[in-house]
Amino acid sequence: MKVKCFDENTEIELEMKLNAFLDNLEGELIDIKFQVAIGIQGEDQIYCFSALVMYT
């Protein structure tokens, strides 16, 4: 089994990176784990969208 981690600032960026990776995946997809983290700095909200892809 292998893993690939993705970390982006927006959902759209994460989707584009994941789709590009999956389009070229030569192995078998096992699972994808998705997570969103939100931080606040002053009046700003900082988002972190991440995914862990497990494949063979």
C-alpha atoms as a PDB file:
ATOM      1  CA  MET A   1       0.000   0.000   0.000  1.00  0.00           C
ATOM      2  CA  LYS A   2       1.086   3.566  -0.725  1.00  0.00           C
ATOM      3  CA  VAL A   3      -0.264   6.949   0.375  1.00  0.00           C
ATOM      4  CA  LYS A   4      -0.340  10.436  -1.124  1.00  0.00           C
ATOM      5  CA  CYS A   5      -1.177  13.555   0.913  1.00  0.00           C
ATOM      6  CA  PHE A   6      -2.779  16.698  -0.469  1.00  0.00           C
ATOM      7  CA  ASP A   7      -3.126  20.047   1.335  1.00  0.00           C
ATOM      8  CA  GLU A   8      -4.793  23.056  -0.306  1.00  0.00           C
ATOM      9  CA  ASN A   9      -6.328  26.393   0.682  1.00  0.00           C
ATOM     10  CA  THR A  10      -9.629  25.896  -1.181  1.00  0.00           C
ATOM     11  CA  GLU A  11     -11.950  22.987  -1.950  1.00  0.00           C
ATOM     12  CA  ILE A  12     -11.657  23.629  -5.677  1.00  0.00           C
ATOM     13  CA  GLU A  13      -7.853  23.435  -5.602  1.00  0.00           C
ATOM     14  CA  LEU A  14      -8.042  20.172  -3.653  1.00  0.00           C
ATOM     15  CA  GLU A  15     -10.566  18.708  -6.099  1.00  0.00           C
ATOM     16  CA  MET A  16      -8.401  19.630  -9.088  1.00  0.00           C
ATOM     17  CA  LYS A  17      -5.257  18.093  -7.564  1.00  0.00           C
ATOM     18  CA  LEU A  18      -7.092  14.926  -6.474  1.00  0.00           C
ATOM     19  CA  ASN A  19      -8.790  14.476  -9.849  1.00  0.00           C
ATOM     20  CA  ALA A  20      -5.492  14.945 -11.701  1.00  0.00           C
ATOM     21  CA  PHE A  21      -3.813  12.389  -9.445  1.00  0.00           C
ATOM     22  CA  LEU A  22      -6.668   9.894  -9.810  1.00  0.00           C
ATOM     23  CA  ASP A  23      -6.760  10.316 -13.603  1.00  0.00           C
ATOM     24  CA  ASN A  24      -3.134   9.141 -13.760  1.00  0.00           C
ATOM     25  CA  LEU A  25      -3.346   6.496 -11.030  1.00  0.00           C
ATOM     26  CA  GLU A  26      -2.094   3.187 -12.383  1.00  0.00           C
ATOM     27  CA  GLY A  27      -2.751   1.222  -9.186  1.00  0.00           C
ATOM     28  CA  GLU A  28      -5.952   0.443  -7.357  1.00  0.00           C
ATOM     29  CA  LEU A  29      -7.651   3.050  -5.179  1.00  0.00           C
ATOM     30  CA  ILE A  30      -8.226   1.789  -1.633  1.00  0.00           C
ATOM     31  CA  ASP A  31      -9.662   4.816   0.190  1.00  0.00           C
ATOM     32  CA  ILE A  32      -9.653   8.610   0.471  1.00  0.00           C
ATOM     33  CA  LYS A  33      -9.775  10.416   3.826  1.00  0.00           C
ATOM     34  CA  PHE A  34     -10.862  14.066   3.801  1.00  0.00           C
ATOM     35  CA  GLN A  35     -10.395  16.727   6.482  1.00  0.00           C
ATOM     36  CA  VAL A  36     -11.045  20.446   6.925  1.00  0.00           C
ATOM     37  CA  ALA A  37      -9.286  22.597   9.504  1.00  0.00           C
ATOM     38  CA  ILE A  38     -10.214  26.195  10.299  1.00  0.00           C
ATOM     39  CA  GLY A  39      -8.073  28.700  12.136  1.00  0.00           C
ATOM     40  CA  ILE A  40      -8.828  32.271  13.111  1.00  0.00           C
ATOM     41  CA  GLN A  41      -6.210  35.002  13.043  1.00  0.00           C
ATOM     42  CA  GLY A  42      -7.627  38.379  13.997  1.00  0.00           C
ATOM     43  CA  GLU A  43     -10.676  38.829  11.791  1.00  0.00           C
ATOM     44  CA  ASP A  44      -9.427  36.375   9.152  1.00  0.00           C
ATOM     45  CA  GLN A  45     -10.492  32.750   8.841  1.00  0.00           C
ATOM     46  CA  ILE A  46      -7.867  30.379   7.475  1.00  0.00           C
ATOM     47  CA  TYR A  47      -9.046  27.124   5.902  1.00  0.00           C
ATOM     48  CA  CYS A  48      -7.010  24.027   5.199  1.00  0.00           C
ATOM     49  CA  PHE A  49      -8.552  21.296   3.036  1.00  0.00           C
ATOM     50  CA  SER A  50      -6.603  18.054   3.030  1.00  0.00           C
ATOM     51  CA  ALA A  51      -6.941  14.517   1.746  1.00  0.00           C
ATOM     52  CA  LEU A  52      -5.051  11.283   2.204  1.00  0.00           C
ATOM     53  CA  VAL A  53      -5.262   8.868  -0.739  1.00  0.00           C
ATOM     54  CA  MET A  54      -4.488   5.196  -0.079  1.00  0.00           C
ATOM     55  CA  TYR A  55      -3.694   3.064  -3.121  1.00  0.00           C
ATOM     56  CA  THR A  56      -1.693   0.078  -4.310  1.00  0.00           C
END
